[in-house]
Structure formats: C-alpha cells, structure tokens
Amino acid sequence: MPPIKEIHYLDRYEAGRGIADKASLFEAKQSRKKGLPTGEDHRLQLSAAAFVDQVRQDAGPRDLDWYASLFRWKGDRLSGDITPAYVMLSPRMIDLVTARFPDLRLILFIRDPVARAWSQVCGELLRRKGIVPKDWPELKGFLTSERVAAASYPSRIFSRWRERVPPERIFVGFFDHLVSEPDVLRADVLRFLGAGSSPPTIEASFDTKRNVLRAPCPPEMQQRLAEWFADELEACARLFGGPAIDWPVRYSLVT
C-alpha cells in the first residue's frame, strides 16, 4: 500500500483541493521512528520517500493522470488506495474514475449501519473530546448531516459503483468477518486481486483495543437507531446476504 494511509485524493480532487498536507503528516510520523531499515525494508522506504516527494510538490488540484502516476513508485507490485471517504464520491466523480481506470478493482467493506453509525458518533466525540448525545433529537441531527448520511447506507453506496463497475470487479467484505476471521477475509481479498493468498498472520486484537475507546450505546438509543435504519437493514440483507441477513434480526426488526 502507499506509505500515506488514506490519501484522500479523489474526494479532494472533486472538491478542488490538493493533498500536499498529507506528506507533512507522514513525515512528522516518520520522524518519531528510530533506526534505519535495511534490505527489502530499505528499498520500500526509498519507494515511499519518492511517493511522498511527489505528493509534497502538489500545489493544488491535479488530474487523474497525476494521481495514477503516484503508483509508479510501486513498480510491478499490486497497489491501490484505501480512503473510506471515497464512499461519498458523486456519480459524476465515479464516472471520471472508472473512465480513467477501466480495469480498477473495488473493495468495499460494509458494516451493520446501526453499529457503524454509533462508532462514528464515538469517533467524532473522541476527536472533539465531547460527550455522547443525551437524547434522540441530538443524535438525529448528527445522522442527518450530509457528511454522515452519505456514508451510512451501504446499499446506496454499492449501487452507485455497481452501475459503473462490473460485478466481477467488486469485492464486498463484512466488518463481521474482519472481527471474527480476519485471516480468511485477507486471503479472500488477495485472491480477488489476483495475488493468491498468504499464510494466516493477522492477529484479531484490534477490535478489543478499539472498543476500549468506545462508549456503549444506550439501549434506547440503539432501538432508535435500529428504527431509523430499518429499511436499510432490510435492503442490505436482500442485497448482500451473508452476515447482513442477521442484521435486522439483531435488533428484533424481523422474527
């Protein structure tokens, strides 16, 4: 993967913004590391430095050819970009992306909308050092904000991309599997990308660490969220199957 996690190129490009600040964040993080890598790690670091140098020179919006050129530093390795904000790209921007990259492969990870929404609430609160919404009107105001709503409906996100990308080039993964069997999910993703698979090496400890930072969702709030997303929970069950079939049952929306 690129050395900068969540490049945010496509969403910033759509908004007419550059990404040079991402290089500064990466370099600040690297400056806190000690020791010099050797061998293959050293080669990859040189590649990462070239990538960051190119990003640093970004004085403003560039076209999609410039974006594509970022990945040349990876040589013949499979590479890509992971940025959750891309689920919010407009149909027009998706058209531009799929026209420029006709062979792209899309990986979309989806999560139970109720749990995902509450996780986003907690994430926002951590960043702002705020408190959990005390009542439904306050939480509803958060859910209806454009930025939150755009990322809260997996069936709509999938449909926008599905209209432009053949189904065989879209991988839909579940957060449920990321928690319960990350090794299997990783192998499935690698096979989808044409990279074979790899020995199981992922430790499923991330979820425990993250949950330490999460406030539990009060039962009354959870029920309100379930009612708010009832149609979406049913749509996901029909469209995606798998773990999504259990999402409505989880909140007693079906029997």
C-alpha atoms as a PDB file:
ATOM      1  CA  MET A   1       0.000   0.000   0.000  1.00  0.00           C
ATOM      2  CA  PRO A   2       1.133   3.637  -0.380  1.00  0.00           C
ATOM      3  CA  PRO A   3       3.097   4.983   2.595  1.00  0.00           C
ATOM      4  CA  ILE A   4       0.352   7.549   3.258  1.00  0.00           C
ATOM      5  CA  LYS A   5      -2.783   5.905   4.634  1.00  0.00           C
ATOM      6  CA  GLU A   6      -5.994   7.438   3.323  1.00  0.00           C
ATOM      7  CA  ILE A   7      -4.586   9.596   0.550  1.00  0.00           C
ATOM      8  CA  HIS A   8      -7.926  11.387   0.122  1.00  0.00           C
ATOM      9  CA  TYR A   9      -7.009  12.284  -3.430  1.00  0.00           C
ATOM     10  CA  LEU A  10     -10.288  11.592  -5.221  1.00  0.00           C
ATOM     11  CA  ASP A  11     -12.550  13.355  -2.732  1.00  0.00           C
ATOM     12  CA  ARG A  12     -10.184  16.329  -2.517  1.00  0.00           C
ATOM     13  CA  TYR A  13      -9.879  16.407  -6.303  1.00  0.00           C
ATOM     14  CA  GLU A  14     -13.653  16.552  -6.562  1.00  0.00           C
ATOM     15  CA  ALA A  15     -13.671  19.433  -4.073  1.00  0.00           C
ATOM     16  CA  GLY A  16     -10.865  21.253  -5.905  1.00  0.00           C
ATOM     17  CA  ARG A  17      -8.278  20.732  -3.175  1.00  0.00           C
ATOM     18  CA  GLY A  18      -4.712  19.440  -3.102  1.00  0.00           C
ATOM     19  CA  ILE A  19      -3.083  16.818  -0.863  1.00  0.00           C
ATOM     20  CA  ALA A  20       0.349  18.282  -0.047  1.00  0.00           C
ATOM     21  CA  ASP A  21      -0.501  18.410   3.663  1.00  0.00           C
ATOM     22  CA  LYS A  22      -0.729  14.604   3.696  1.00  0.00           C
ATOM     23  CA  ALA A  23       3.028  14.453   3.041  1.00  0.00           C
ATOM     24  CA  SER A  24       3.719  16.674   6.040  1.00  0.00           C
ATOM     25  CA  LEU A  25       1.660  14.418   8.300  1.00  0.00           C
ATOM     26  CA  PHE A  26       3.509  11.344   7.047  1.00  0.00           C
ATOM     27  CA  GLU A  27       6.931  12.921   7.534  1.00  0.00           C
ATOM     28  CA  ALA A  28       6.058  14.001  11.064  1.00  0.00           C
ATOM     29  CA  LYS A  29       5.124  10.426  11.911  1.00  0.00           C
ATOM     30  CA  GLN A  30       8.318   9.049  10.333  1.00  0.00           C
ATOM     31  CA  SER A  31      10.489  11.486  12.264  1.00  0.00           C
ATOM     32  CA  ARG A  32       9.387   9.823  15.501  1.00  0.00           C
ATOM     33  CA  LYS A  33      10.682   6.421  14.389  1.00  0.00           C
ATOM     34  CA  LYS A  34      14.171   5.257  15.318  1.00  0.00           C
ATOM     35  CA  GLY A  35      16.682   3.148  13.418  1.00  0.00           C
ATOM     36  CA  LEU A  36      17.366   2.699   9.722  1.00  0.00           C
ATOM     37  CA  PRO A  37      15.766  -0.125   7.725  1.00  0.00           C
ATOM     38  CA  THR A  38      17.888  -2.495   5.672  1.00  0.00           C
ATOM     39  CA  GLY A  39      17.392  -4.850   2.743  1.00  0.00           C
ATOM     40  CA  GLU A  40      13.884  -5.030   1.363  1.00  0.00           C
ATOM     41  CA  ASP A  41      12.625  -2.613   4.010  1.00  0.00           C
ATOM     42  CA  HIS A  42      15.200  -0.082   2.827  1.00  0.00           C
ATOM     43  CA  ARG A  43      14.099  -0.478  -0.796  1.00  0.00           C
ATOM     44  CA  LEU A  44      10.485   0.049   0.190  1.00  0.00           C
ATOM     45  CA  GLN A  45      11.447   3.125   2.209  1.00  0.00           C
ATOM     46  CA  LEU A  46      13.136   4.642  -0.838  1.00  0.00           C
ATOM     47  CA  SER A  47       9.957   3.999  -2.805  1.00  0.00           C
ATOM     48  CA  ALA A  48       7.931   5.598  -0.033  1.00  0.00           C
ATOM     49  CA  ALA A  49      10.197   8.648   0.009  1.00  0.00           C
ATOM     50  CA  ALA A  50       9.747   9.137  -3.737  1.00  0.00           C
ATOM     51  CA  PHE A  51       5.986   8.847  -3.313  1.00  0.00           C
ATOM     52  CA  VAL A  52       5.977  11.438  -0.531  1.00  0.00           C
ATOM     53  CA  ASP A  53       8.244  13.788  -2.511  1.00  0.00           C
ATOM     54  CA  GLN A  54       5.752  13.774  -5.352  1.00  0.00           C
ATOM     55  CA  VAL A  55       2.846  14.441  -3.002  1.00  0.00           C
ATOM     56  CA  ARG A  56       4.773  17.287  -1.335  1.00  0.00           C
ATOM     57  CA  GLN A  57       5.105  19.029  -4.697  1.00  0.00           C
ATOM     58  CA  ASP A  58       1.328  19.127  -5.077  1.00  0.00           C
ATOM     59  CA  ALA A  59       0.486  22.823  -5.162  1.00  0.00           C
ATOM     60  CA  GLY A  60      -3.181  22.291  -5.893  1.00  0.00           C
ATOM     61  CA  PRO A  61      -5.641  20.081  -7.737  1.00  0.00           C
ATOM     62  CA  ARG A  62      -4.107  17.712 -10.278  1.00  0.00           C
ATOM     63  CA  ASP A  63      -5.807  15.461 -12.801  1.00  0.00           C
ATOM     64  CA  LEU A  64      -6.328  11.706 -12.605  1.00  0.00           C
ATOM     65  CA  ASP A  65      -3.226  11.027 -14.700  1.00  0.00           C
ATOM     66  CA  TRP A  66      -1.189  12.663 -11.937  1.00  0.00           C
ATOM     67  CA  TYR A  67      -2.958  10.500  -9.370  1.00  0.00           C
ATOM     68  CA  ALA A  68      -2.179   7.388 -11.414  1.00  0.00           C
ATOM     69  CA  SER A  69       1.491   8.384 -11.587  1.00  0.00           C
ATOM     70  CA  LEU A  70       1.764   8.177  -7.786  1.00  0.00           C
ATOM     71  CA  PHE A  71       1.627   4.399  -8.011  1.00  0.00           C
ATOM     72  CA  ARG A  72       4.544   4.040 -10.401  1.00  0.00           C
ATOM     73  CA  TRP A  73       6.817   4.035  -7.351  1.00  0.00           C
ATOM     74  CA  LYS A  74       5.431   0.590  -6.537  1.00  0.00           C
ATOM     75  CA  GLY A  75       6.937  -0.873  -9.682  1.00  0.00           C
ATOM     76  CA  ASP A  76       5.291  -4.150 -10.676  1.00  0.00           C
ATOM     77  CA  ARG A  77       3.627  -4.635  -7.302  1.00  0.00           C
ATOM     78  CA  LEU A  78      -0.141  -4.594  -6.985  1.00  0.00           C
ATOM     79  CA  SER A  79      -1.073  -1.338  -5.292  1.00  0.00           C
ATOM     80  CA  GLY A  80      -4.060   0.817  -4.505  1.00  0.00           C
ATOM     81  CA  ASP A  81      -5.554   3.446  -2.274  1.00  0.00           C
ATOM     82  CA  ILE A  82      -7.630   2.962   0.872  1.00  0.00           C
ATOM     83  CA  THR A  83      -9.740   6.008   1.741  1.00  0.00           C
ATOM     84  CA  PRO A  84     -13.151   5.484   3.376  1.00  0.00           C
ATOM     85  CA  ALA A  85     -14.306   8.913   2.171  1.00  0.00           C
ATOM     86  CA  TYR A  86     -14.462   7.535  -1.383  1.00  0.00           C
ATOM     87  CA  VAL A  87     -17.835   6.019  -0.499  1.00  0.00           C
ATOM     88  CA  MET A  88     -19.136   9.597  -0.673  1.00  0.00           C
ATOM     89  CA  LEU A  89     -17.956  10.306  -4.233  1.00  0.00           C
ATOM     90  CA  SER A  90     -20.658  11.651  -6.520  1.00  0.00           C
ATOM     91  CA  PRO A  91     -21.875   9.684  -9.568  1.00  0.00           C
ATOM     92  CA  ARG A  92     -20.072  12.217 -11.780  1.00  0.00           C
ATOM     93  CA  MET A  93     -16.761  11.617  -9.992  1.00  0.00           C
ATOM     94  CA  ILE A  94     -17.251   7.854 -10.136  1.00  0.00           C
ATOM     95  CA  ASP A  95     -17.777   8.195 -13.882  1.00  0.00           C
ATOM     96  CA  LEU A  96     -14.461  10.060 -14.205  1.00  0.00           C
ATOM     97  CA  VAL A  97     -12.617   7.466 -12.115  1.00  0.00           C
ATOM     98  CA  THR A  98     -13.991   4.432 -13.919  1.00  0.00           C
ATOM     99  CA  ALA A  99     -13.349   6.028 -17.321  1.00  0.00           C
ATOM    100  CA  ARG A 100      -9.694   6.701 -16.407  1.00  0.00           C
ATOM    101  CA  PHE A 101      -9.210   3.322 -14.695  1.00  0.00           C
ATOM    102  CA  PRO A 102     -11.409   0.898 -16.663  1.00  0.00           C
ATOM    103  CA  ASP A 103      -9.751  -2.154 -15.067  1.00  0.00           C
ATOM    104  CA  LEU A 104      -9.915  -0.986 -11.469  1.00  0.00           C
ATOM    105  CA  ARG A 105     -10.930  -3.415  -8.758  1.00  0.00           C
ATOM    106  CA  LEU A 106     -13.119  -2.102  -5.999  1.00  0.00           C
ATOM    107  CA  ILE A 107     -13.048  -3.373  -2.415  1.00  0.00           C
ATOM    108  CA  LEU A 108     -15.974  -2.259  -0.270  1.00  0.00           C
ATOM    109  CA  PHE A 109     -16.174  -3.218   3.388  1.00  0.00           C
ATOM    110  CA  ILE A 110     -19.610  -2.806   4.922  1.00  0.00           C
ATOM    111  CA  ARG A 111     -20.849  -2.830   8.478  1.00  0.00           C
ATOM    112  CA  ASP A 112     -24.188  -3.091  10.251  1.00  0.00           C
ATOM    113  CA  PRO A 113     -25.472   0.524   9.795  1.00  0.00           C
ATOM    114  CA  VAL A 114     -26.567   0.796  13.423  1.00  0.00           C
ATOM    115  CA  ALA A 115     -23.171  -0.215  14.842  1.00  0.00           C
ATOM    116  CA  ARG A 116     -21.348   1.827  12.197  1.00  0.00           C
ATOM    117  CA  ALA A 117     -23.313   4.976  12.982  1.00  0.00           C
ATOM    118  CA  TRP A 118     -22.660   4.683  16.706  1.00  0.00           C
ATOM    119  CA  SER A 119     -18.967   4.035  16.040  1.00  0.00           C
ATOM    120  CA  GLN A 120     -18.831   7.239  14.011  1.00  0.00           C
ATOM    121  CA  VAL A 121     -20.539   9.123  16.818  1.00  0.00           C
ATOM    122  CA  CYS A 122     -17.909   7.875  19.266  1.00  0.00           C
ATOM    123  CA  GLY A 123     -15.096   8.699  16.845  1.00  0.00           C
ATOM    124  CA  GLU A 124     -16.325  12.262  16.480  1.00  0.00           C
ATOM    125  CA  LEU A 125     -16.612  12.607  20.243  1.00  0.00           C
ATOM    126  CA  LEU A 126     -13.067  11.353  20.772  1.00  0.00           C
ATOM    127  CA  ARG A 127     -11.711  13.884  18.305  1.00  0.00           C
ATOM    128  CA  ARG A 128     -13.693  16.712  19.854  1.00  0.00           C
ATOM    129  CA  LYS A 129     -13.434  15.399  23.422  1.00  0.00           C
ATOM    130  CA  GLY A 130     -17.176  15.794  23.669  1.00  0.00           C
ATOM    131  CA  ILE A 131     -19.862  13.722  25.301  1.00  0.00           C
ATOM    132  CA  VAL A 132     -22.274  11.123  23.976  1.00  0.00           C
ATOM    133  CA  PRO A 133     -25.563  12.619  22.670  1.00  0.00           C
ATOM    134  CA  LYS A 134     -28.054  12.636  25.512  1.00  0.00           C
ATOM    135  CA  ASP A 135     -31.263  12.451  23.537  1.00  0.00           C
ATOM    136  CA  TRP A 136     -32.633  11.323  20.182  1.00  0.00           C
ATOM    137  CA  PRO A 137     -33.040  14.813  18.630  1.00  0.00           C
ATOM    138  CA  GLU A 138     -29.340  15.448  19.193  1.00  0.00           C
ATOM    139  CA  LEU A 139     -28.361  12.095  17.684  1.00  0.00           C
ATOM    140  CA  LYS A 140     -30.801  12.521  14.797  1.00  0.00           C
ATOM    141  CA  GLY A 141     -29.196  15.862  13.966  1.00  0.00           C
ATOM    142  CA  PHE A 142     -25.849  14.077  13.695  1.00  0.00           C
ATOM    143  CA  LEU A 143     -27.277  11.321  11.469  1.00  0.00           C
ATOM    144  CA  THR A 144     -28.904  13.758   9.055  1.00  0.00           C
ATOM    145  CA  SER A 145     -25.775  15.829   8.474  1.00  0.00           C
ATOM    146  CA  GLU A 146     -24.675  15.459   4.858  1.00  0.00           C
ATOM    147  CA  ARG A 147     -21.251  14.027   5.677  1.00  0.00           C
ATOM    148  CA  VAL A 148     -22.621  11.322   7.973  1.00  0.00           C
ATOM    149  CA  ALA A 149     -25.643  10.398   5.876  1.00  0.00           C
ATOM    150  CA  ALA A 150     -23.510   9.941   2.755  1.00  0.00           C
ATOM    151  CA  ALA A 151     -21.540   7.131   4.419  1.00  0.00           C
ATOM    152  CA  SER A 152     -24.364   5.455   6.331  1.00  0.00           C
ATOM    153  CA  TYR A 153     -26.197   3.481   3.636  1.00  0.00           C
ATOM    154  CA  PRO A 154     -24.143   0.574   2.196  1.00  0.00           C
ATOM    155  CA  SER A 155     -26.833  -0.440  -0.290  1.00  0.00           C
ATOM    156  CA  ARG A 156     -26.806   3.020  -1.889  1.00  0.00           C
ATOM    157  CA  ILE A 157     -23.016   3.210  -1.953  1.00  0.00           C
ATOM    158  CA  PHE A 158     -22.773  -0.201  -3.604  1.00  0.00           C
ATOM    159  CA  SER A 159     -25.459   0.646  -6.154  1.00  0.00           C
ATOM    160  CA  ARG A 160     -23.679   3.830  -7.273  1.00  0.00           C
ATOM    161  CA  TRP A 161     -20.489   1.911  -8.025  1.00  0.00           C
ATOM    162  CA  ARG A 162     -22.273  -1.184  -9.334  1.00  0.00           C
ATOM    163  CA  GLU A 163     -23.827   0.890 -12.113  1.00  0.00           C
ATOM    164  CA  ARG A 164     -20.333   1.615 -13.406  1.00  0.00           C
ATOM    165  CA  VAL A 165     -18.159  -1.352 -12.393  1.00  0.00           C
ATOM    166  CA  PRO A 166     -18.824  -4.981 -13.474  1.00  0.00           C
ATOM    167  CA  PRO A 167     -19.776  -7.230 -10.540  1.00  0.00           C
ATOM    168  CA  GLU A 168     -16.740  -9.471 -11.001  1.00  0.00           C
ATOM    169  CA  ARG A 169     -14.518  -6.484 -10.171  1.00  0.00           C
ATOM    170  CA  ILE A 170     -16.261  -5.558  -6.922  1.00  0.00           C
ATOM    171  CA  PHE A 171     -15.426  -7.299  -3.651  1.00  0.00           C
ATOM    172  CA  VAL A 172     -17.844  -6.787  -0.772  1.00  0.00           C
ATOM    173  CA  GLY A 173     -16.442  -7.700   2.624  1.00  0.00           C
ATOM    174  CA  PHE A 174     -18.119  -7.594   6.015  1.00  0.00           C
ATOM    175  CA  PHE A 175     -16.882  -5.992   9.211  1.00  0.00           C
ATOM    176  CA  ASP A 176     -18.331  -9.064  10.926  1.00  0.00           C
ATOM    177  CA  HIS A 177     -15.686 -11.203   9.196  1.00  0.00           C
ATOM    178  CA  LEU A 178     -12.967  -8.651   9.875  1.00  0.00           C
ATOM    179  CA  VAL A 179     -13.632  -9.230  13.565  1.00  0.00           C
ATOM    180  CA  SER A 180     -14.321 -12.989  13.535  1.00  0.00           C
ATOM    181  CA  GLU A 181     -11.939 -14.318  10.852  1.00  0.00           C
ATOM    182  CA  PRO A 182      -9.515 -11.650   9.604  1.00  0.00           C
ATOM    183  CA  ASP A 183      -7.130 -14.234   8.127  1.00  0.00           C
ATOM    184  CA  VAL A 184      -9.836 -15.721   5.929  1.00  0.00           C
ATOM    185  CA  LEU A 185     -11.005 -12.286   4.837  1.00  0.00           C
ATOM    186  CA  ARG A 186      -7.472 -11.229   3.983  1.00  0.00           C
ATOM    187  CA  ALA A 187      -6.951 -14.353   1.873  1.00  0.00           C
ATOM    188  CA  ASP A 188     -10.235 -13.699   0.055  1.00  0.00           C
ATOM    189  CA  VAL A 189      -9.172 -10.136  -0.745  1.00  0.00           C
ATOM    190  CA  LEU A 190      -5.780 -11.264  -2.044  1.00  0.00           C
ATOM    191  CA  ARG A 191      -7.385 -13.866  -4.292  1.00  0.00           C
ATOM    192  CA  PHE A 192      -9.812 -11.241  -5.585  1.00  0.00           C
ATOM    193  CA  LEU A 193      -6.836  -9.049  -6.502  1.00  0.00           C
ATOM    194  CA  GLY A 194      -5.136 -11.934  -8.282  1.00  0.00           C
ATOM    195  CA  ALA A 195      -2.353 -12.138  -5.718  1.00  0.00           C
ATOM    196  CA  GLY A 196      -3.054 -15.640  -4.441  1.00  0.00           C
ATOM    197  CA  SER A 197      -3.287 -15.867  -0.686  1.00  0.00           C
ATOM    198  CA  SER A 198      -0.895 -15.859   2.221  1.00  0.00           C
ATOM    199  CA  PRO A 199      -0.345 -17.745   5.484  1.00  0.00           C
ATOM    200  CA  PRO A 200      -2.585 -16.633   8.346  1.00  0.00           C
ATOM    201  CA  THR A 201      -0.655 -13.952  10.182  1.00  0.00           C
ATOM    202  CA  ILE A 202      -3.247 -11.418  11.293  1.00  0.00           C
ATOM    203  CA  GLU A 203      -3.971 -11.090  14.982  1.00  0.00           C
ATOM    204  CA  ALA A 204      -7.591 -10.231  15.751  1.00  0.00           C
ATOM    205  CA  SER A 205      -6.686  -7.956  18.672  1.00  0.00           C
ATOM    206  CA  PHE A 206      -7.506  -4.636  17.028  1.00  0.00           C
ATOM    207  CA  ASP A 207     -11.198  -4.791  17.906  1.00  0.00           C
ATOM    208  CA  THR A 208     -10.531  -5.181  21.625  1.00  0.00           C
ATOM    209  CA  LYS A 209      -8.202  -2.191  21.648  1.00  0.00           C
ATOM    210  CA  ARG A 210     -10.614  -0.008  19.728  1.00  0.00           C
ATOM    211  CA  ASN A 211     -13.556  -0.908  21.933  1.00  0.00           C
ATOM    212  CA  VAL A 212     -11.732   0.487  24.947  1.00  0.00           C
ATOM    213  CA  LEU A 213     -12.291   3.893  23.385  1.00  0.00           C
ATOM    214  CA  ARG A 214     -15.968   3.329  22.564  1.00  0.00           C
ATOM    215  CA  ALA A 215     -18.852   4.322  24.805  1.00  0.00           C
ATOM    216  CA  PRO A 216     -21.557   1.621  24.886  1.00  0.00           C
ATOM    217  CA  CYS A 217     -24.691   2.531  23.001  1.00  0.00           C
ATOM    218  CA  PRO A 218     -27.587   3.002  25.439  1.00  0.00           C
ATOM    219  CA  PRO A 219     -30.429   0.537  24.704  1.00  0.00           C
ATOM    220  CA  GLU A 220     -32.939   3.286  23.975  1.00  0.00           C
ATOM    221  CA  MET A 221     -30.526   4.935  21.531  1.00  0.00           C
ATOM    222  CA  GLN A 222     -29.819   1.598  19.874  1.00  0.00           C
ATOM    223  CA  GLN A 223     -33.514   0.994  19.385  1.00  0.00           C
ATOM    224  CA  ARG A 224     -33.954   4.448  17.869  1.00  0.00           C
ATOM    225  CA  LEU A 225     -31.040   3.801  15.525  1.00  0.00           C
ATOM    226  CA  ALA A 226     -32.475   0.429  14.529  1.00  0.00           C
ATOM    227  CA  GLU A 227     -35.806   2.052  13.686  1.00  0.00           C
ATOM    228  CA  TRP A 228     -34.017   4.826  11.783  1.00  0.00           C
ATOM    229  CA  PHE A 229     -32.075   2.317   9.678  1.00  0.00           C
ATOM    230  CA  ALA A 230     -34.819  -0.333   9.463  1.00  0.00           C
ATOM    231  CA  ASP A 231     -35.270  -0.012   5.690  1.00  0.00           C
ATOM    232  CA  GLU A 232     -31.517  -0.011   5.111  1.00  0.00           C
ATOM    233  CA  LEU A 233     -31.013  -3.086   7.283  1.00  0.00           C
ATOM    234  CA  GLU A 234     -33.591  -4.946   5.202  1.00  0.00           C
ATOM    235  CA  ALA A 235     -32.069  -3.651   1.945  1.00  0.00           C
ATOM    236  CA  CYS A 236     -28.612  -4.878   2.996  1.00  0.00           C
ATOM    237  CA  ALA A 237     -29.979  -8.295   3.930  1.00  0.00           C
ATOM    238  CA  ARG A 238     -31.563  -8.660   0.482  1.00  0.00           C
ATOM    239  CA  LEU A 239     -28.660  -7.221  -1.489  1.00  0.00           C
ATOM    240  CA  PHE A 240     -25.609  -8.640   0.258  1.00  0.00           C
ATOM    241  CA  GLY A 241     -26.794 -11.732   2.104  1.00  0.00           C
ATOM    242  CA  GLY A 242     -24.182 -13.301   4.376  1.00  0.00           C
ATOM    243  CA  PRO A 243     -23.885 -11.648   7.797  1.00  0.00           C
ATOM    244  CA  ALA A 244     -26.232  -8.871   6.647  1.00  0.00           C
ATOM    245  CA  ILE A 245     -29.126 -11.338   6.850  1.00  0.00           C
ATOM    246  CA  ASP A 246     -28.742 -11.306  10.622  1.00  0.00           C
ATOM    247  CA  TRP A 247     -28.657  -7.517  10.985  1.00  0.00           C
ATOM    248  CA  PRO A 248     -32.441  -6.955  11.116  1.00  0.00           C
ATOM    249  CA  VAL A 249     -32.804  -9.940  13.458  1.00  0.00           C
ATOM    250  CA  ARG A 250     -30.167  -8.454  15.742  1.00  0.00           C
ATOM    251  CA  TYR A 251     -32.499  -5.567  16.501  1.00  0.00           C
ATOM    252  CA  SER A 252     -35.705  -7.610  16.591  1.00  0.00           C
ATOM    253  CA  LEU A 253     -36.950  -5.998  13.390  1.00  0.00           C
ATOM    254  CA  VAL A 254     -37.891  -9.425  11.982  1.00  0.00           C
ATOM    255  CA  THR A 255     -38.616 -12.760  13.560  1.00  0.00           C
END
